[in-house]
């Protein structure tokens, strides 16, 4: 599986990460771009027309054709969380940084056998 733009950002420091993804709106925009790079597509019928429902946690995207509702986090690791997207993005960033530090090519001090 190829790494996406959000998954691998070489050399992204924590302050740079916070600047890019420190606000809920920024995380929503990045996730929307990653999920639907060519605009919204219904996961059920592939229709492009949708409405927008602002909920308590995340926006819902109801399809105007089949009426199926989806969210930005549906089908992702963040699907069932009640935490803000900023917290989920930060957790994924920190896990990625910890794993990258263990890779032999990254200059990390941990041996590859301890993975």
Protein backbone atom coordinates (compact mmCIF):
# COMPACT_ATOMS: atom_id res chain seq x y z
CA UNK A 1 0.00 0.00 0.00
CA UNK A 2 1.46 3.35 -1.02
CA UNK A 3 1.88 5.98 1.67
CA UNK A 4 -0.33 9.02 1.35
CA UNK A 5 0.59 12.65 1.87
CA UNK A 6 -0.65 12.64 5.47
CA UNK A 7 0.93 9.30 6.37
CA UNK A 8 4.48 10.24 5.41
CA UNK A 9 5.81 13.74 5.74
CA UNK A 10 9.55 13.46 6.03
CA UNK A 11 11.11 15.86 8.48
CA UNK A 12 7.85 17.27 9.84
CA UNK A 13 8.62 18.61 13.32
CA UNK A 14 6.06 18.76 16.11
CA UNK A 15 5.64 22.58 15.85
CA UNK A 16 5.13 22.25 12.09
CA UNK A 17 2.61 19.46 12.66
CA UNK A 18 0.71 21.57 15.21
CA UNK A 19 0.68 24.48 12.78
CA UNK A 20 -0.74 22.27 10.00
CA UNK A 21 -3.16 20.13 12.02
CA UNK A 22 -3.63 21.93 15.35
CA UNK A 23 -7.17 23.10 14.54
CA UNK A 24 -10.20 20.88 14.00
CA UNK A 25 -10.99 22.64 10.70
CA UNK A 26 -7.49 21.90 9.36
CA UNK A 27 -7.84 18.22 10.26
CA UNK A 28 -11.26 18.06 8.59
CA UNK A 29 -9.90 19.68 5.42
CA UNK A 30 -6.89 17.31 5.30
CA UNK A 31 -9.06 14.25 5.91
CA UNK A 32 -11.62 15.37 3.32
CA UNK A 33 -8.86 15.89 0.75
CA UNK A 34 -7.34 12.49 1.55
CA UNK A 35 -10.68 10.64 1.39
CA UNK A 36 -12.16 12.40 -1.61
CA UNK A 37 -9.36 14.04 -3.67
CA UNK A 38 -11.75 14.57 -6.60
CA UNK A 39 -14.67 15.69 -4.43
CA UNK A 40 -17.24 13.75 -2.44
CA UNK A 41 -18.34 10.34 -3.71
CA UNK A 42 -21.02 8.33 -1.93
CA UNK A 43 -19.46 5.07 -0.71
CA UNK A 44 -22.64 3.21 -1.60
CA UNK A 45 -23.72 4.54 -5.02
CA UNK A 46 -20.76 6.74 -6.14
CA UNK A 47 -23.04 9.78 -6.55
CA UNK A 48 -21.34 13.19 -6.27
CA UNK A 49 -24.31 15.14 -4.92
CA UNK A 50 -24.65 15.44 -1.17
CA UNK A 51 -26.01 17.58 1.62
CA UNK A 52 -24.23 18.60 4.79
CA UNK A 53 -25.45 18.01 8.34
CA UNK A 54 -23.48 19.55 11.19
CA UNK A 55 -23.64 17.17 14.13
CA UNK A 56 -22.25 17.17 17.62
CA UNK A 57 -18.93 15.58 16.71
CA UNK A 58 -18.43 15.44 12.96
CA UNK A 59 -20.21 16.62 9.87
CA UNK A 60 -22.40 14.08 8.10
CA UNK A 61 -22.58 13.82 4.33
CA UNK A 62 -25.97 12.46 3.20
CA UNK A 63 -26.10 11.30 -0.41
CA UNK A 64 -28.88 12.98 -2.37
CA UNK A 65 -29.38 9.90 -4.52
CA UNK A 66 -29.51 6.94 -2.12
CA UNK A 67 -29.72 8.93 1.16
CA UNK A 68 -26.82 7.01 2.69
CA UNK A 69 -25.04 9.09 5.34
CA UNK A 70 -21.30 8.99 5.90
CA UNK A 71 -18.76 10.97 7.90
CA UNK A 72 -15.14 11.89 7.29
CA UNK A 73 -14.01 9.27 9.78
CA UNK A 74 -16.24 6.40 8.57
CA UNK A 75 -14.07 3.42 7.63
CA UNK A 76 -10.94 4.89 9.23
CA UNK A 77 -9.08 4.19 12.45
CA UNK A 78 -10.78 7.28 13.90
CA UNK A 79 -14.31 6.07 13.12
CA UNK A 80 -15.62 5.23 16.60
CA UNK A 81 -13.64 7.77 18.63
CA UNK A 82 -15.31 10.53 20.57
CA UNK A 83 -12.09 12.51 20.68
CA UNK A 84 -11.51 15.55 18.49
CA UNK A 85 -9.73 14.99 15.18
CA UNK A 86 -6.80 17.05 16.46
CA UNK A 87 -6.20 14.48 19.22
CA UNK A 88 -6.43 11.57 16.77
CA UNK A 89 -4.07 13.24 14.30
CA UNK A 90 -1.57 14.00 17.08
CA UNK A 91 -1.70 10.39 18.33
CA UNK A 92 -1.05 9.08 14.81
CA UNK A 93 1.81 11.56 14.36
CA UNK A 94 3.45 10.51 17.63
CA UNK A 95 3.13 6.80 16.83
CA UNK A 96 4.62 7.44 13.39
CA UNK A 97 7.52 9.38 14.90
CA UNK A 98 8.19 6.61 17.43
CA UNK A 99 8.21 3.98 14.69
CA UNK A 100 10.40 6.08 12.41
CA UNK A 101 12.96 6.51 15.20
CA UNK A 102 13.32 2.71 15.35
CA UNK A 103 14.03 2.23 11.65
CA UNK A 104 17.70 1.63 10.84
CA UNK A 105 17.67 4.08 7.93
CA UNK A 106 16.36 6.93 10.10
CA UNK A 107 19.40 7.09 12.33
CA UNK A 108 17.48 5.90 15.37
CA UNK A 109 19.46 4.28 18.17
CA UNK A 110 17.18 1.26 18.57
CA UNK A 111 18.17 -1.92 16.81
CA UNK A 112 15.78 -3.28 14.16
CA UNK A 113 15.51 -6.53 16.15
CA UNK A 114 13.63 -4.78 18.94
CA UNK A 115 10.68 -3.89 16.69
